[in-house]
Amino acid sequence: MSNLADDAAQAAGQGVGDISNDVNKADQDVSNAPQDAERGVDNAARDVGNAEGDAQQFDQGADNSYDQGKNQG
């Protein structure tokens, strides 16, 4: 019988510990949310900038090819 009480107390304590860990993780996730959002915006801005640079290089390459073809005429 004494093991049953000890086992129940241990299981209850473990459950409380698990809940406490979950609360701490949720608190950390909420605390990190602004940084995560800012990092997402920064990444999106960099991706847009890279795409714009790629489009400009493509445009310049097309212009150069057109000019070369025109000059070879």
C-alpha atoms as a PDB file:
ATOM      1  CA  MET A   1       0.000   0.000   0.000  1.00  0.00           C
ATOM      2  CA  SER A   2       2.780   2.470   0.765  1.00  0.00           C
ATOM      3  CA  ASN A   3       4.141   2.120  -2.761  1.00  0.00           C
ATOM      4  CA  LEU A   4       0.761   3.081  -4.171  1.00  0.00           C
ATOM      5  CA  ALA A   5       0.754   6.380  -2.280  1.00  0.00           C
ATOM      6  CA  ASP A   6       4.371   7.070  -3.234  1.00  0.00           C
ATOM      7  CA  ASP A   7       3.721   6.191  -6.858  1.00  0.00           C
ATOM      8  CA  ALA A   8       0.648   8.429  -6.951  1.00  0.00           C
ATOM      9  CA  ALA A   9       2.554  11.309  -5.378  1.00  0.00           C
ATOM     10  CA  GLN A  10       5.431  10.826  -7.809  1.00  0.00           C
ATOM     11  CA  ALA A  11       3.072  10.725 -10.797  1.00  0.00           C
ATOM     12  CA  ALA A  12       1.326  13.892  -9.586  1.00  0.00           C
ATOM     13  CA  GLY A  13       4.658  15.648  -9.106  1.00  0.00           C
ATOM     14  CA  GLN A  14       5.811  14.577 -12.531  1.00  0.00           C
ATOM     15  CA  GLY A  15       2.578  15.896 -14.039  1.00  0.00           C
ATOM     16  CA  VAL A  16       3.074  19.249 -12.342  1.00  0.00           C
ATOM     17  CA  GLY A  17       6.666  19.320 -13.592  1.00  0.00           C
ATOM     18  CA  ASP A  18       5.519  18.562 -17.135  1.00  0.00           C
ATOM     19  CA  ILE A  19       2.943  21.353 -16.987  1.00  0.00           C
ATOM     20  CA  SER A  20       5.545  23.737 -15.604  1.00  0.00           C
ATOM     21  CA  ASN A  21       7.903  22.871 -18.470  1.00  0.00           C
ATOM     22  CA  ASP A  22       5.108  23.410 -20.986  1.00  0.00           C
ATOM     23  CA  VAL A  23       4.295  26.810 -19.455  1.00  0.00           C
ATOM     24  CA  ASN A  24       7.963  27.824 -19.542  1.00  0.00           C
ATOM     25  CA  LYS A  25       8.270  26.753 -23.184  1.00  0.00           C
ATOM     26  CA  ALA A  26       5.106  28.654 -24.121  1.00  0.00           C
ATOM     27  CA  ASP A  27       6.397  31.731 -22.280  1.00  0.00           C
ATOM     28  CA  GLN A  28       9.696  31.492 -24.144  1.00  0.00           C
ATOM     29  CA  ASP A  29       7.874  31.085 -27.476  1.00  0.00           C
ATOM     30  CA  VAL A  30       5.806  34.212 -26.776  1.00  0.00           C
ATOM     31  CA  SER A  31       8.916  36.128 -25.722  1.00  0.00           C
ATOM     32  CA  ASN A  32      10.702  35.117 -28.933  1.00  0.00           C
ATOM     33  CA  ALA A  33       7.759  35.994 -31.196  1.00  0.00           C
ATOM     34  CA  PRO A  34       8.792  39.626 -31.908  1.00  0.00           C
ATOM     35  CA  GLN A  35      12.336  38.555 -32.806  1.00  0.00           C
ATOM     36  CA  ASP A  36      11.020  35.717 -34.963  1.00  0.00           C
ATOM     37  CA  ALA A  37       8.657  38.101 -36.767  1.00  0.00           C
ATOM     38  CA  GLU A  38      11.440  40.638 -37.319  1.00  0.00           C
ATOM     39  CA  ARG A  39      13.733  37.925 -38.650  1.00  0.00           C
ATOM     40  CA  GLY A  40      10.948  36.817 -41.014  1.00  0.00           C
ATOM     41  CA  VAL A  41      10.495  40.364 -42.313  1.00  0.00           C
ATOM     42  CA  ASP A  42      14.242  40.762 -42.769  1.00  0.00           C
ATOM     43  CA  ASN A  43      14.436  37.470 -44.662  1.00  0.00           C
ATOM     44  CA  ALA A  44      11.505  38.456 -46.895  1.00  0.00           C
ATOM     45  CA  ALA A  45      13.075  41.849 -47.618  1.00  0.00           C
ATOM     46  CA  ARG A  46      16.386  40.203 -48.514  1.00  0.00           C
ATOM     47  CA  ASP A  47      14.597  37.743 -50.807  1.00  0.00           C
ATOM     48  CA  VAL A  48      12.782  40.589 -52.575  1.00  0.00           C
ATOM     49  CA  GLY A  49      16.060  42.468 -52.946  1.00  0.00           C
ATOM     50  CA  ASN A  50      17.746  39.399 -54.380  1.00  0.00           C
ATOM     51  CA  ALA A  51      14.892  38.868 -56.838  1.00  0.00           C
ATOM     52  CA  GLU A  52      15.071  42.509 -57.903  1.00  0.00           C
ATOM     53  CA  GLY A  53      18.829  42.181 -58.443  1.00  0.00           C
ATOM     54  CA  ASP A  54      18.297  39.035 -60.497  1.00  0.00           C
ATOM     55  CA  ALA A  55      15.673  40.810 -62.632  1.00  0.00           C
ATOM     56  CA  GLN A  56      18.009  43.757 -63.205  1.00  0.00           C
ATOM     57  CA  GLN A  57      20.827  41.423 -64.246  1.00  0.00           C
ATOM     58  CA  PHE A  58      18.484  39.605 -66.618  1.00  0.00           C
ATOM     59  CA  ASP A  59      17.317  42.922 -68.077  1.00  0.00           C
ATOM     60  CA  GLN A  60      20.906  44.101 -68.533  1.00  0.00           C
ATOM     61  CA  GLY A  61      21.839  40.768 -70.146  1.00  0.00           C
ATOM     62  CA  ALA A  62      18.904  41.011 -72.536  1.00  0.00           C
ATOM     63  CA  ASP A  63      19.850  44.590 -73.435  1.00  0.00           C
ATOM     64  CA  ASN A  64      23.445  43.544 -74.071  1.00  0.00           C
ATOM     65  CA  SER A  65      22.361  40.609 -76.232  1.00  0.00           C
ATOM     66  CA  TYR A  66      20.029  42.840 -78.254  1.00  0.00           C
ATOM     67  CA  ASP A  67      22.786  45.404 -78.763  1.00  0.00           C
ATOM     68  CA  GLN A  68      25.280  42.735 -79.813  1.00  0.00           C
ATOM     69  CA  GLY A  69      22.817  41.266 -82.288  1.00  0.00           C
ATOM     70  CA  LYS A  70      21.996  44.716 -83.660  1.00  0.00           C
ATOM     71  CA  ASN A  71      25.691  45.528 -84.070  1.00  0.00           C
ATOM     72  CA  GLN A  72      26.366  42.260 -85.879  1.00  0.00           C
ATOM     73  CA  GLY A  73      23.378  43.023 -88.040  1.00  0.00           C
END
